[in-house]
């Protein structure tokens, strides 16, 4: 031992292979729960519109927009789940994260507007 250090202390050790355990499976399940809750919200909002006497153009446009947002959200989430199937996934690109956050917020806002609209 030269200099008070154990042998090999100055050389970097190779990183061990990553054992992800159940973390990828938990994350995939979290994505599935999130898409399920987005689907339930979109279906309930659509149901609310169908139950109204005469939905106006704004409500119909909002429902179509929410359907498109839902489809985009599910497609992005599915893409992320597939990326996770091969072990350690690449980092979530900021653009994708921003799109997912935007879809989530827009769906929540759209659902709130449908539920609290006048004449409900």
PDB file of N, CA and C in Angstrom:
ATOM      1  N   UNK A   1       0.845  -1.183   0.000  1.00  0.00           N
ATOM      2  CA  UNK A   1       0.000   0.000   0.000  1.00  0.00           C
ATOM      3  C   UNK A   1       0.876   1.226   0.000  1.00  0.00           C
ATOM      4  N   UNK A   2       0.937   1.885  -1.094  1.00  0.00           N
ATOM      5  CA  UNK A   2       1.724   3.102  -1.191  1.00  0.00           C
ATOM      6  C   UNK A   2       0.821   4.288  -0.924  1.00  0.00           C
ATOM      7  N   UNK A   3       1.255   5.179  -0.054  1.00  0.00           N
ATOM      8  CA  UNK A   3       0.502   6.402   0.203  1.00  0.00           C
ATOM      9  C   UNK A   3      -0.729   6.175   1.058  1.00  0.00           C
ATOM     10  N   UNK A   4      -0.892   5.057   1.714  1.00  0.00           N
ATOM     11  CA  UNK A   4      -2.022   4.840   2.608  1.00  0.00           C
ATOM     12  C   UNK A   4      -3.310   4.458   1.887  1.00  0.00           C
ATOM     13  N   UNK A   5      -3.279   4.200   0.595  1.00  0.00           N
ATOM     14  CA  UNK A   5      -4.485   3.814  -0.134  1.00  0.00           C
ATOM     15  C   UNK A   5      -4.446   2.320  -0.417  1.00  0.00           C
ATOM     16  N   UNK A   6      -5.585   1.682  -0.413  1.00  0.00           N
ATOM     17  CA  UNK A   6      -5.612   0.259  -0.743  1.00  0.00           C
ATOM     18  C   UNK A   6      -5.243   0.058  -2.209  1.00  0.00           C
ATOM     19  N   UNK A   7      -4.765  -1.107  -2.560  1.00  0.00           N
ATOM     20  CA  UNK A   7      -4.405  -1.362  -3.950  1.00  0.00           C
ATOM     21  C   UNK A   7      -5.608  -1.173  -4.870  1.00  0.00           C
ATOM     22  N   UNK A   8      -5.392  -0.506  -5.987  1.00  0.00           N
ATOM     23  CA  UNK A   8      -6.451  -0.290  -6.974  1.00  0.00           C
ATOM     24  C   UNK A   8      -7.378   0.852  -6.643  1.00  0.00           C
ATOM     25  N   UNK A   9      -7.097   1.625  -5.579  1.00  0.00           N
ATOM     26  CA  UNK A   9      -7.993   2.710  -5.178  1.00  0.00           C
ATOM     27  C   UNK A   9      -7.951   3.862  -6.171  1.00  0.00           C
ATOM     28  N   UNK A  10      -6.860   4.041  -6.881  1.00  0.00           N
ATOM     29  CA  UNK A  10      -6.765   5.154  -7.811  1.00  0.00           C
ATOM     30  C   UNK A  10      -7.326   4.848  -9.193  1.00  0.00           C
ATOM     31  N   UNK A  11      -7.631   3.595  -9.460  1.00  0.00           N
ATOM     32  CA  UNK A  11      -8.159   3.233 -10.775  1.00  0.00           C
ATOM     33  C   UNK A  11      -9.668   3.106 -10.701  1.00  0.00           C
ATOM     34  N   UNK A  12     -10.350   3.660 -11.683  1.00  0.00           N
ATOM     35  CA  UNK A  12     -11.813   3.554 -11.658  1.00  0.00           C
ATOM     36  C   UNK A  12     -12.254   2.120 -11.927  1.00  0.00           C
ATOM     37  N   UNK A  13     -13.274   1.715 -11.216  1.00  0.00           N
ATOM     38  CA  UNK A  13     -13.829   0.381 -11.415  1.00  0.00           C
ATOM     39  C   UNK A  13     -14.897   0.440 -12.499  1.00  0.00           C
ATOM     40  N   UNK A  14     -14.992  -0.598 -13.316  1.00  0.00           N
ATOM     41  CA  UNK A  14     -16.063  -0.608 -14.311  1.00  0.00           C
ATOM     42  C   UNK A  14     -17.417  -0.678 -13.610  1.00  0.00           C
ATOM     43  N   UNK A  15     -18.376   0.027 -14.177  1.00  0.00           N
ATOM     44  CA  UNK A  15     -19.716   0.021 -13.600  1.00  0.00           C
ATOM     45  C   UNK A  15     -20.336  -1.355 -13.768  1.00  0.00           C
ATOM     46  N   UNK A  16     -20.953  -1.867 -12.714  1.00  0.00           N
ATOM     47  CA  UNK A  16     -21.595  -3.177 -12.848  1.00  0.00           C
ATOM     48  C   UNK A  16     -22.822  -3.060 -13.759  1.00  0.00           C
ATOM     49  N   UNK A  17     -23.186  -4.187 -14.363  1.00  0.00           N
ATOM     50  CA  UNK A  17     -24.400  -4.185 -15.159  1.00  0.00           C
ATOM     51  C   UNK A  17     -25.568  -3.795 -14.270  1.00  0.00           C
ATOM     52  N   UNK A  18     -26.419  -2.977 -14.816  1.00  0.00           N
ATOM     53  CA  UNK A  18     -27.541  -2.476 -14.033  1.00  0.00           C
ATOM     54  C   UNK A  18     -28.598  -3.570 -13.882  1.00  0.00           C
ATOM     55  N   UNK A  19     -28.991  -3.797 -12.657  1.00  0.00           N
ATOM     56  CA  UNK A  19     -30.085  -4.712 -12.381  1.00  0.00           C
ATOM     57  C   UNK A  19     -31.300  -3.856 -12.066  1.00  0.00           C
ATOM     58  N   UNK A  20     -32.194  -3.661 -13.036  1.00  0.00           N
ATOM     59  CA  UNK A  20     -33.302  -2.736 -12.826  1.00  0.00           C
ATOM     60  C   UNK A  20     -34.351  -3.250 -11.858  1.00  0.00           C
ATOM     61  N   UNK A  21     -34.334  -4.534 -11.557  1.00  0.00           N
ATOM     62  CA  UNK A  21     -35.346  -5.058 -10.650  1.00  0.00           C
ATOM     63  C   UNK A  21     -36.735  -4.862 -11.230  1.00  0.00           C
ATOM     64  N   UNK A  22     -37.652  -4.425 -10.405  1.00  0.00           N
ATOM     65  CA  UNK A  22     -39.034  -4.241 -10.848  1.00  0.00           C
ATOM     66  C   UNK A  22     -39.345  -2.805 -11.251  1.00  0.00           C
ATOM     67  N   UNK A  23     -38.353  -1.926 -11.206  1.00  0.00           N
ATOM     68  CA  UNK A  23     -38.602  -0.515 -11.501  1.00  0.00           C
ATOM     69  C   UNK A  23     -39.195  -0.297 -12.895  1.00  0.00           C
ATOM     70  N   UNK A  24     -38.668  -0.906 -13.968  1.00  0.00           N
ATOM     71  CA  UNK A  24     -39.289  -0.684 -15.275  1.00  0.00           C
ATOM     72  C   UNK A  24     -40.738  -1.161 -15.323  1.00  0.00           C
ATOM     73  N   UNK A  25     -41.023  -2.276 -14.660  1.00  0.00           N
ATOM     74  CA  UNK A  25     -42.392  -2.780 -14.648  1.00  0.00           C
ATOM     75  C   UNK A  25     -43.321  -1.819 -13.894  1.00  0.00           C
ATOM     76  N   UNK A  26     -42.857  -1.289 -12.779  1.00  0.00           N
ATOM     77  CA  UNK A  26     -43.664  -0.308 -12.031  1.00  0.00           C
ATOM     78  C   UNK A  26     -43.917   0.934 -12.865  1.00  0.00           C
ATOM     79  N   UNK A  27     -42.914   1.367 -13.600  1.00  0.00           N
ATOM     80  CA  UNK A  27     -43.077   2.565 -14.428  1.00  0.00           C
ATOM     81  C   UNK A  27     -44.048   2.296 -15.572  1.00  0.00           C
ATOM     82  N   UNK A  28     -43.952   1.134 -16.200  1.00  0.00           N
ATOM     83  CA  UNK A  28     -44.909   0.787 -17.264  1.00  0.00           C
ATOM     84  C   UNK A  28     -46.330   0.750 -16.710  1.00  0.00           C
ATOM     85  N   UNK A  29     -46.494   0.167 -15.523  1.00  0.00           N
ATOM     86  CA  UNK A  29     -47.825   0.137 -14.915  1.00  0.00           C
ATOM     87  C   UNK A  29     -48.327   1.541 -14.596  1.00  0.00           C
ATOM     88  N   UNK A  30     -47.433   2.416 -14.179  1.00  0.00           N
ATOM     89  CA  UNK A  30     -47.832   3.806 -13.911  1.00  0.00           C
ATOM     90  C   UNK A  30     -48.295   4.489 -15.199  1.00  0.00           C
ATOM     91  N   UNK A  31     -47.586   4.235 -16.299  1.00  0.00           N
ATOM     92  CA  UNK A  31     -48.025   4.796 -17.583  1.00  0.00           C
ATOM     93  C   UNK A  31     -49.388   4.243 -17.972  1.00  0.00           C
ATOM     94  N   UNK A  32     -49.602   2.959 -17.740  1.00  0.00           N
ATOM     95  CA  UNK A  32     -50.905   2.357 -18.069  1.00  0.00           C
ATOM     96  C   UNK A  32     -52.022   2.968 -17.214  1.00  0.00           C
ATOM     97  N   UNK A  33     -51.764   3.167 -15.933  1.00  0.00           N
ATOM     98  CA  UNK A  33     -52.777   3.797 -15.076  1.00  0.00           C
ATOM     99  C   UNK A  33     -53.068   5.217 -15.546  1.00  0.00           C
ATOM    100  N   UNK A  34     -52.038   5.923 -15.951  1.00  0.00           N
ATOM    101  CA  UNK A  34     -52.230   7.295 -16.411  1.00  0.00           C
ATOM    102  C   UNK A  34     -53.060   7.333 -17.683  1.00  0.00           C
ATOM    103  N   UNK A  35     -52.774   6.434 -18.619  1.00  0.00           N
ATOM    104  CA  UNK A  35     -53.571   6.420 -19.854  1.00  0.00           C
ATOM    105  C   UNK A  35     -54.998   5.969 -19.557  1.00  0.00           C
ATOM    106  N   UNK A  36     -55.157   5.066 -18.604  1.00  0.00           N
ATOM    107  CA  UNK A  36     -56.503   4.639 -18.237  1.00  0.00           C
ATOM    108  C   UNK A  36     -57.303   5.798 -17.634  1.00  0.00           C
ATOM    109  N   UNK A  37     -56.671   6.584 -16.773  1.00  0.00           N
ATOM    110  CA  UNK A  37     -57.389   7.718 -16.172  1.00  0.00           C
ATOM    111  C   UNK A  37     -57.703   8.777 -17.221  1.00  0.00           C
ATOM    112  N   UNK A  38     -56.805   8.997 -18.180  1.00  0.00           N
ATOM    113  CA  UNK A  38     -57.096   9.949 -19.263  1.00  0.00           C
ATOM    114  C   UNK A  38     -58.244   9.440 -20.122  1.00  0.00           C
ATOM    115  N   UNK A  39     -58.280   8.146 -20.358  1.00  0.00           N
ATOM    116  CA  UNK A  39     -59.378   7.560 -21.141  1.00  0.00           C
ATOM    117  C   UNK A  39     -60.696   7.699 -20.398  1.00  0.00           C
ATOM    118  N   UNK A  40     -60.694   7.415 -19.106  1.00  0.00           N
ATOM    119  CA  UNK A  40     -61.920   7.541 -18.318  1.00  0.00           C
ATOM    120  C   UNK A  40     -62.422   8.983 -18.317  1.00  0.00           C
ATOM    121  N   UNK A  41     -61.511   9.937 -18.173  1.00  0.00           N
ATOM    122  CA  UNK A  41     -61.917  11.350 -18.181  1.00  0.00           C
ATOM    123  C   UNK A  41     -62.512  11.730 -19.537  1.00  0.00           C
ATOM    124  N   UNK A  42     -61.894  11.290 -20.633  1.00  0.00           N
ATOM    125  CA  UNK A  42     -62.402  11.620 -21.959  1.00  0.00           C
ATOM    126  C   UNK A  42     -63.775  10.978 -22.190  1.00  0.00           C
ATOM    127  N   UNK A  43     -63.950   9.746 -21.755  1.00  0.00           N
ATOM    128  CA  UNK A  43     -65.239   9.075 -21.926  1.00  0.00           C
ATOM    129  C   UNK A  43     -66.317   9.759 -21.094  1.00  0.00           C
ATOM    130  N   UNK A  44     -66.002  10.114 -19.855  1.00  0.00           N
ATOM    131  CA  UNK A  44     -66.997  10.792 -19.014  1.00  0.00           C
ATOM    132  C   UNK A  44     -67.359  12.169 -19.553  1.00  0.00           C
ATOM    133  N   UNK A  45     -66.376  12.884 -20.091  1.00  0.00           N
ATOM    134  CA  UNK A  45     -66.671  14.189 -20.690  1.00  0.00           C
ATOM    135  C   UNK A  45     -67.559  14.017 -21.924  1.00  0.00           C
ATOM    136  N   UNK A  46     -67.266  13.017 -22.734  1.00  0.00           N
ATOM    137  CA  UNK A  46     -68.107  12.750 -23.902  1.00  0.00           C
ATOM    138  C   UNK A  46     -69.516  12.346 -23.502  1.00  0.00           C
ATOM    139  N   UNK A  47     -69.615  11.550 -22.478  1.00  0.00           N
ATOM    140  CA  UNK A  47     -70.928  11.137 -21.966  1.00  0.00           C
ATOM    141  C   UNK A  47     -71.729  12.345 -21.489  1.00  0.00           C
ATOM    142  N   UNK A  48     -71.048  13.245 -20.813  1.00  0.00           N
ATOM    143  CA  UNK A  48     -71.721  14.455 -20.325  1.00  0.00           C
ATOM    144  C   UNK A  48     -72.267  15.272 -21.488  1.00  0.00           C
ATOM    145  N   UNK A  49     -71.497  15.377 -22.560  1.00  0.00           N
ATOM    146  CA  UNK A  49     -71.973  16.118 -23.732  1.00  0.00           C
ATOM    147  C   UNK A  49     -73.143  15.412 -24.402  1.00  0.00           C
ATOM    148  N   UNK A  50     -73.095  14.104 -24.479  1.00  0.00           N
ATOM    149  CA  UNK A  50     -74.182  13.361 -25.117  1.00  0.00           C
ATOM    150  C   UNK A  50     -75.471  13.448 -24.317  1.00  0.00           C
ATOM    151  N   UNK A  51     -75.361  13.600 -23.024  1.00  0.00           N
ATOM    152  CA  UNK A  51     -76.551  13.688 -22.173  1.00  0.00           C
ATOM    153  C   UNK A  51     -77.172  15.077 -22.179  1.00  0.00           C
ATOM    154  N   UNK A  52     -76.451  16.081 -22.674  1.00  0.00           N
ATOM    155  CA  UNK A  52     -77.026  17.431 -22.696  1.00  0.00           C
ATOM    156  C   UNK A  52     -78.085  17.507 -23.788  1.00  0.00           C
ATOM    157  N   UNK A  53     -79.028  18.435 -23.602  1.00  0.00           N
ATOM    158  CA  UNK A  53     -80.154  18.554 -24.538  1.00  0.00           C
ATOM    159  C   UNK A  53     -79.701  18.942 -25.935  1.00  0.00           C
ATOM    160  N   UNK A  54     -78.941  20.002 -26.029  1.00  0.00           N
ATOM    161  CA  UNK A  54     -78.493  20.477 -27.334  1.00  0.00           C
ATOM    162  C   UNK A  54     -77.080  21.042 -27.194  1.00  0.00           C
ATOM    163  N   UNK A  55     -76.068  20.201 -27.371  1.00  0.00           N
ATOM    164  CA  UNK A  55     -74.710  20.735 -27.255  1.00  0.00           C
ATOM    165  C   UNK A  55     -74.436  21.727 -28.385  1.00  0.00           C
ATOM    166  N   UNK A  56     -73.847  22.844 -28.025  1.00  0.00           N
ATOM    167  CA  UNK A  56     -73.539  23.869 -29.010  1.00  0.00           C
ATOM    168  C   UNK A  56     -72.261  23.550 -29.768  1.00  0.00           C
ATOM    169  N   UNK A  57     -71.953  24.436 -30.693  1.00  0.00           N
ATOM    170  CA  UNK A  57     -70.758  24.248 -31.523  1.00  0.00           C
ATOM    171  C   UNK A  57     -69.490  24.262 -30.668  1.00  0.00           C
ATOM    172  N   UNK A  58     -69.488  25.089 -29.627  1.00  0.00           N
ATOM    173  CA  UNK A  58     -68.310  25.164 -28.763  1.00  0.00           C
ATOM    174  C   UNK A  58     -68.103  23.835 -28.041  1.00  0.00           C
ATOM    175  N   UNK A  59     -69.178  23.257 -27.524  1.00  0.00           N
ATOM    176  CA  UNK A  59     -69.059  21.994 -26.810  1.00  0.00           C
ATOM    177  C   UNK A  59     -68.607  20.863 -27.733  1.00  0.00           C
ATOM    178  N   UNK A  60     -69.173  20.825 -28.944  1.00  0.00           N
ATOM    179  CA  UNK A  60     -68.796  19.784 -29.903  1.00  0.00           C
ATOM    180  C   UNK A  60     -67.338  19.958 -30.318  1.00  0.00           C
ATOM    181  N   UNK A  61     -66.923  21.193 -30.569  1.00  0.00           N
ATOM    182  CA  UNK A  61     -65.532  21.460 -30.937  1.00  0.00           C
ATOM    183  C   UNK A  61     -64.601  21.065 -29.800  1.00  0.00           C
ATOM    184  N   UNK A  62     -64.993  21.389 -28.585  1.00  0.00           N
ATOM    185  CA  UNK A  62     -64.191  21.018 -27.421  1.00  0.00           C
ATOM    186  C   UNK A  62     -64.088  19.498 -27.291  1.00  0.00           C
ATOM    187  N   UNK A  63     -65.179  18.796 -27.540  1.00  0.00           N
ATOM    188  CA  UNK A  63     -65.154  17.335 -27.455  1.00  0.00           C
ATOM    189  C   UNK A  63     -64.235  16.741 -28.519  1.00  0.00           C
ATOM    190  N   UNK A  64     -64.283  17.275 -29.723  1.00  0.00           N
ATOM    191  CA  UNK A  64     -63.395  16.782 -30.788  1.00  0.00           C
ATOM    192  C   UNK A  64     -61.945  17.075 -30.435  1.00  0.00           C
ATOM    193  N   UNK A  65     -61.684  18.275 -29.947  1.00  0.00           N
ATOM    194  CA  UNK A  65     -60.330  18.638 -29.542  1.00  0.00           C
ATOM    195  C   UNK A  65     -59.830  17.732 -28.417  1.00  0.00           C
ATOM    196  N   UNK A  66     -60.695  17.449 -27.458  1.00  0.00           N
ATOM    197  CA  UNK A  66     -60.308  16.562 -26.357  1.00  0.00           C
ATOM    198  C   UNK A  66     -60.031  15.151 -26.873  1.00  0.00           C
ATOM    199  N   UNK A  67     -60.803  14.705 -27.849  1.00  0.00           N
ATOM    200  CA  UNK A  67     -60.545  13.394 -28.435  1.00  0.00           C
ATOM    201  C   UNK A  67     -59.193  13.339 -29.121  1.00  0.00           C
ATOM    202  N   UNK A  68     -58.838  14.410 -29.819  1.00  0.00           N
ATOM    203  CA  UNK A  68     -57.533  14.466 -30.478  1.00  0.00           C
ATOM    204  C   UNK A  68     -56.401  14.526 -29.448  1.00  0.00           C
ATOM    205  N   UNK A  69     -56.598  15.312 -28.407  1.00  0.00           N
ATOM    206  CA  UNK A  69     -55.598  15.382 -27.342  1.00  0.00           C
ATOM    207  C   UNK A  69     -55.427  14.035 -26.655  1.00  0.00           C
ATOM    208  N   UNK A  70     -56.541  13.363 -26.415  1.00  0.00           N
ATOM    209  CA  UNK A  70     -56.480  12.039 -25.802  1.00  0.00           C
ATOM    210  C   UNK A  70     -55.692  11.074 -26.682  1.00  0.00           C
ATOM    211  N   UNK A  71     -55.978  11.088 -27.987  1.00  0.00           N
ATOM    212  CA  UNK A  71     -55.268  10.194 -28.907  1.00  0.00           C
ATOM    213  C   UNK A  71     -53.767  10.500 -28.922  1.00  0.00           C
ATOM    214  N   UNK A  72     -53.410  11.777 -28.902  1.00  0.00           N
ATOM    215  CA  UNK A  72     -51.995  12.148 -28.884  1.00  0.00           C
ATOM    216  C   UNK A  72     -51.340  11.686 -27.588  1.00  0.00           C
ATOM    217  N   UNK A  73     -52.031  11.872 -26.477  1.00  0.00           N
ATOM    218  CA  UNK A  73     -51.493  11.450 -25.181  1.00  0.00           C
ATOM    219  C   UNK A  73     -51.267   9.945 -25.142  1.00  0.00           C
ATOM    220  N   UNK A  74     -52.251   9.183 -25.584  1.00  0.00           N
ATOM    221  CA  UNK A  74     -52.130   7.728 -25.566  1.00  0.00           C
ATOM    222  C   UNK A  74     -51.007   7.280 -26.497  1.00  0.00           C
ATOM    223  N   UNK A  75     -50.879   7.916 -27.661  1.00  0.00           N
ATOM    224  CA  UNK A  75     -49.813   7.547 -28.596  1.00  0.00           C
ATOM    225  C   UNK A  75     -48.433   7.834 -27.992  1.00  0.00           C
ATOM    226  N   UNK A  76     -48.269   9.001 -27.379  1.00  0.00           N
ATOM    227  CA  UNK A  76     -46.991   9.331 -26.752  1.00  0.00           C
ATOM    228  C   UNK A  76     -46.675   8.392 -25.585  1.00  0.00           C
ATOM    229  N   UNK A  77     -47.674   8.104 -24.777  1.00  0.00           N
ATOM    230  CA  UNK A  77     -47.460   7.206 -23.634  1.00  0.00           C
ATOM    231  C   UNK A  77     -47.131   5.793 -24.116  1.00  0.00           C
ATOM    232  N   UNK A  78     -47.815   5.335 -25.162  1.00  0.00           N
ATOM    233  CA  UNK A  78     -47.535   4.000 -25.700  1.00  0.00           C
ATOM    234  C   UNK A  78     -46.117   3.938 -26.253  1.00  0.00           C
ATOM    235  N   UNK A  79     -45.704   4.996 -26.926  1.00  0.00           N
ATOM    236  CA  UNK A  79     -44.333   5.051 -27.446  1.00  0.00           C
ATOM    237  C   UNK A  79     -43.333   4.946 -26.295  1.00  0.00           C
ATOM    238  N   UNK A  80     -43.603   5.628 -25.197  1.00  0.00           N
ATOM    239  CA  UNK A  80     -42.713   5.581 -24.035  1.00  0.00           C
ATOM    240  C   UNK A  80     -42.705   4.183 -23.414  1.00  0.00           C
ATOM    241  N   UNK A  81     -43.872   3.557 -23.316  1.00  0.00           N
ATOM    242  CA  UNK A  81     -43.926   2.208 -22.743  1.00  0.00           C
ATOM    243  C   UNK A  81     -43.152   1.215 -23.605  1.00  0.00           C
ATOM    244  N   UNK A  82     -43.239   1.364 -24.913  1.00  0.00           N
ATOM    245  CA  UNK A  82     -42.493   0.465 -25.810  1.00  0.00           C
ATOM    246  C   UNK A  82     -40.994   0.696 -25.675  1.00  0.00           C
ATOM    247  N   UNK A  83     -40.589   1.948 -25.474  1.00  0.00           N
ATOM    248  CA  UNK A  83     -39.167   2.243 -25.306  1.00  0.00           C
ATOM    249  C   UNK A  83     -38.637   1.604 -24.033  1.00  0.00           C
ATOM    250  N   UNK A  84     -39.486   1.449 -23.046  1.00  0.00           N
ATOM    251  CA  UNK A  84     -39.067   0.870 -21.773  1.00  0.00           C
ATOM    252  C   UNK A  84     -38.994  -0.643 -21.820  1.00  0.00           C
ATOM    253  N   UNK A  85     -39.552  -1.264 -22.832  1.00  0.00           N
ATOM    254  CA  UNK A  85     -39.593  -2.723 -22.897  1.00  0.00           C
ATOM    255  C   UNK A  85     -38.199  -3.325 -23.073  1.00  0.00           C
ATOM    256  N   UNK A  86     -37.272  -2.573 -23.629  1.00  0.00           N
ATOM    257  CA  UNK A  86     -35.946  -3.103 -23.898  1.00  0.00           C
ATOM    258  C   UNK A  86     -34.936  -2.814 -22.812  1.00  0.00           C
ATOM    259  N   UNK A  87     -35.308  -2.897 -21.576  1.00  0.00           N
ATOM    260  CA  UNK A  87     -34.373  -2.616 -20.493  1.00  0.00           C
ATOM    261  C   UNK A  87     -34.416  -1.161 -20.099  1.00  0.00           C
ATOM    262  N   UNK A  88     -33.251  -0.573 -19.981  1.00  0.00           N
ATOM    263  CA  UNK A  88     -33.180   0.827 -19.564  1.00  0.00           C
ATOM    264  C   UNK A  88     -33.559   1.728 -20.740  1.00  0.00           C
ATOM    265  N   UNK A  89     -34.628   2.510 -20.596  1.00  0.00           N
ATOM    266  CA  UNK A  89     -35.058   3.360 -21.707  1.00  0.00           C
ATOM    267  C   UNK A  89     -34.188   4.600 -21.814  1.00  0.00           C
ATOM    268  N   UNK A  90     -34.179   5.206 -22.987  1.00  0.00           N
ATOM    269  CA  UNK A  90     -33.476   6.476 -23.091  1.00  0.00           C
ATOM    270  C   UNK A  90     -34.217   7.538 -22.276  1.00  0.00           C
ATOM    271  N   UNK A  91     -33.530   8.599 -21.972  1.00  0.00           N
ATOM    272  CA  UNK A  91     -34.165   9.690 -21.218  1.00  0.00           C
ATOM    273  C   UNK A  91     -35.337  10.248 -22.015  1.00  0.00           C
ATOM    274  N   UNK A  92     -36.362  10.651 -21.301  1.00  0.00           N
ATOM    275  CA  UNK A  92     -37.532  11.241 -21.949  1.00  0.00           C
ATOM    276  C   UNK A  92     -37.131  12.583 -22.546  1.00  0.00           C
ATOM    277  N   UNK A  93     -37.270  12.734 -23.863  1.00  0.00           N
ATOM    278  CA  UNK A  93     -36.891  14.012 -24.474  1.00  0.00           C
ATOM    279  C   UNK A  93     -37.758  15.155 -23.928  1.00  0.00           C
ATOM    280  N   UNK A  94     -37.180  16.328 -23.758  1.00  0.00           N
ATOM    281  CA  UNK A  94     -37.959  17.456 -23.218  1.00  0.00           C
ATOM    282  C   UNK A  94     -39.196  17.778 -24.056  1.00  0.00           C
ATOM    283  N   UNK A  95     -39.101  17.633 -25.358  1.00  0.00           N
ATOM    284  CA  UNK A  95     -40.250  17.926 -26.233  1.00  0.00           C
ATOM    285  C   UNK A  95     -41.402  16.965 -25.932  1.00  0.00           C
ATOM    286  N   UNK A  96     -41.089  15.692 -25.773  1.00  0.00           N
ATOM    287  CA  UNK A  96     -42.123  14.703 -25.457  1.00  0.00           C
ATOM    288  C   UNK A  96     -42.720  14.976 -24.082  1.00  0.00           C
ATOM    289  N   UNK A  97     -41.875  15.305 -23.121  1.00  0.00           N
ATOM    290  CA  UNK A  97     -42.374  15.620 -21.782  1.00  0.00           C
ATOM    291  C   UNK A  97     -43.307  16.831 -21.825  1.00  0.00           C
ATOM    292  N   UNK A  98     -42.925  17.842 -22.585  1.00  0.00           N
ATOM    293  CA  UNK A  98     -43.761  19.035 -22.706  1.00  0.00           C
ATOM    294  C   UNK A  98     -45.087  18.711 -23.381  1.00  0.00           C
ATOM    295  N   UNK A  99     -45.062  17.875 -24.403  1.00  0.00           N
ATOM    296  CA  UNK A  99     -46.304  17.470 -25.068  1.00  0.00           C
ATOM    297  C   UNK A  99     -47.213  16.691 -24.121  1.00  0.00           C
ATOM    298  N   UNK A 100     -46.635  15.798 -23.333  1.00  0.00           N
ATOM    299  CA  UNK A 100     -47.442  15.030 -22.385  1.00  0.00           C
ATOM    300  C   UNK A 100     -48.058  15.926 -21.317  1.00  0.00           C
ATOM    301  N   UNK A 101     -47.283  16.857 -20.814  1.00  0.00           N
ATOM    302  CA  UNK A 101     -47.805  17.792 -19.806  1.00  0.00           C
ATOM    303  C   UNK A 101     -48.901  18.658 -20.425  1.00  0.00           C
ATOM    304  N   UNK A 102     -48.665  19.135 -21.640  1.00  0.00           N
ATOM    305  CA  UNK A 102     -49.668  19.950 -22.325  1.00  0.00           C
ATOM    306  C   UNK A 102     -50.961  19.192 -22.562  1.00  0.00           C
ATOM    307  N   UNK A 103     -50.866  17.942 -23.007  1.00  0.00           N
ATOM    308  CA  UNK A 103     -52.061  17.115 -23.214  1.00  0.00           C
ATOM    309  C   UNK A 103     -52.807  16.902 -21.909  1.00  0.00           C
ATOM    310  N   UNK A 104     -52.068  16.614 -20.844  1.00  0.00           N
ATOM    311  CA  UNK A 104     -52.695  16.377 -19.546  1.00  0.00           C
ATOM    312  C   UNK A 104     -53.435  17.618 -19.059  1.00  0.00           C
ATOM    313  N   UNK A 105     -52.779  18.759 -19.130  1.00  0.00           N
ATOM    314  CA  UNK A 105     -53.418  19.995 -18.673  1.00  0.00           C
ATOM    315  C   UNK A 105     -54.613  20.371 -19.540  1.00  0.00           C
ATOM    316  N   UNK A 106     -54.484  20.206 -20.856  1.00  0.00           N
ATOM    317  CA  UNK A 106     -55.593  20.535 -21.749  1.00  0.00           C
ATOM    318  C   UNK A 106     -56.777  19.605 -21.524  1.00  0.00           C
ATOM    319  N   UNK A 107     -56.521  18.320 -21.308  1.00  0.00           N
ATOM    320  CA  UNK A 107     -57.609  17.393 -21.026  1.00  0.00           C
ATOM    321  C   UNK A 107     -58.304  17.737 -19.709  1.00  0.00           C
ATOM    322  N   UNK A 108     -57.532  18.069 -18.695  1.00  0.00           N
ATOM    323  CA  UNK A 108     -58.122  18.442 -17.407  1.00  0.00           C
ATOM    324  C   UNK A 108     -58.952  19.716 -17.536  1.00  0.00           C
ATOM    325  N   UNK A 109     -58.415  20.699 -18.238  1.00  0.00           N
ATOM    326  CA  UNK A 109     -59.154  21.950 -18.436  1.00  0.00           C
ATOM    327  C   UNK A 109     -60.415  21.724 -19.251  1.00  0.00           C
ATOM    328  N   UNK A 110     -60.302  20.941 -20.309  1.00  0.00           N
ATOM    329  CA  UNK A 110     -61.480  20.642 -21.133  1.00  0.00           C
ATOM    330  C   UNK A 110     -62.549  19.911 -20.345  1.00  0.00           C
ATOM    331  N   UNK A 111     -62.137  18.942 -19.533  1.00  0.00           N
ATOM    332  CA  UNK A 111     -63.106  18.235 -18.699  1.00  0.00           C
ATOM    333  C   UNK A 111     -63.789  19.160 -17.705  1.00  0.00           C
ATOM    334  N   UNK A 112     -63.017  20.071 -17.119  1.00  0.00           N
ATOM    335  CA  UNK A 112     -63.601  21.020 -16.175  1.00  0.00           C
ATOM    336  C   UNK A 112     -64.594  21.958 -16.872  1.00  0.00           C
ATOM    337  N   UNK A 113     -64.253  22.412 -18.063  1.00  0.00           N
ATOM    338  CA  UNK A 113     -65.153  23.312 -18.797  1.00  0.00           C
ATOM    339  C   UNK A 113     -66.446  22.597 -19.122  1.00  0.00           C
ATOM    340  N   UNK A 114     -66.367  21.341 -19.544  1.00  0.00           N
ATOM    341  CA  UNK A 114     -67.580  20.606 -19.875  1.00  0.00           C
ATOM    342  C   UNK A 114     -68.453  20.396 -18.634  1.00  0.00           C
ATOM    343  N   UNK A 115     -67.827  20.125 -17.508  1.00  0.00           N
ATOM    344  CA  UNK A 115     -68.598  19.856 -16.292  1.00  0.00           C
ATOM    345  C   UNK A 115     -69.231  21.093 -15.697  1.00  0.00           C
ATOM    346  N   UNK A 116     -68.629  22.255 -15.841  1.00  0.00           N
ATOM    347  CA  UNK A 116     -69.161  23.460 -15.203  1.00  0.00           C
ATOM    348  C   UNK A 116     -69.808  24.421 -16.178  1.00  0.00           C
ATOM    349  N   UNK A 117     -70.002  24.002 -17.397  1.00  0.00           N
ATOM    350  CA  UNK A 117     -70.602  24.915 -18.378  1.00  0.00           C
ATOM    351  C   UNK A 117     -72.038  25.249 -17.995  1.00  0.00           C
ATOM    352  N   UNK A 118     -72.498  26.437 -18.375  1.00  0.00           N
ATOM    353  CA  UNK A 118     -73.896  26.822 -18.065  1.00  0.00           C
ATOM    354  C   UNK A 118     -74.880  25.909 -18.780  1.00  0.00           C
ATOM    355  N   UNK A 119     -76.025  25.715 -18.163  1.00  0.00           N
ATOM    356  CA  UNK A 119     -77.048  24.873 -18.750  1.00  0.00           C
ATOM    357  C   UNK A 119     -76.821  23.394 -18.511  1.00  0.00           C
ATOM    358  N   UNK A 120     -75.886  23.076 -17.656  1.00  0.00           N
ATOM    359  CA  UNK A 120     -75.520  21.694 -17.358  1.00  0.00           C
ATOM    360  C   UNK A 120     -76.551  21.022 -16.515  1.00  0.00           C
TER     361      UNK A 120
END
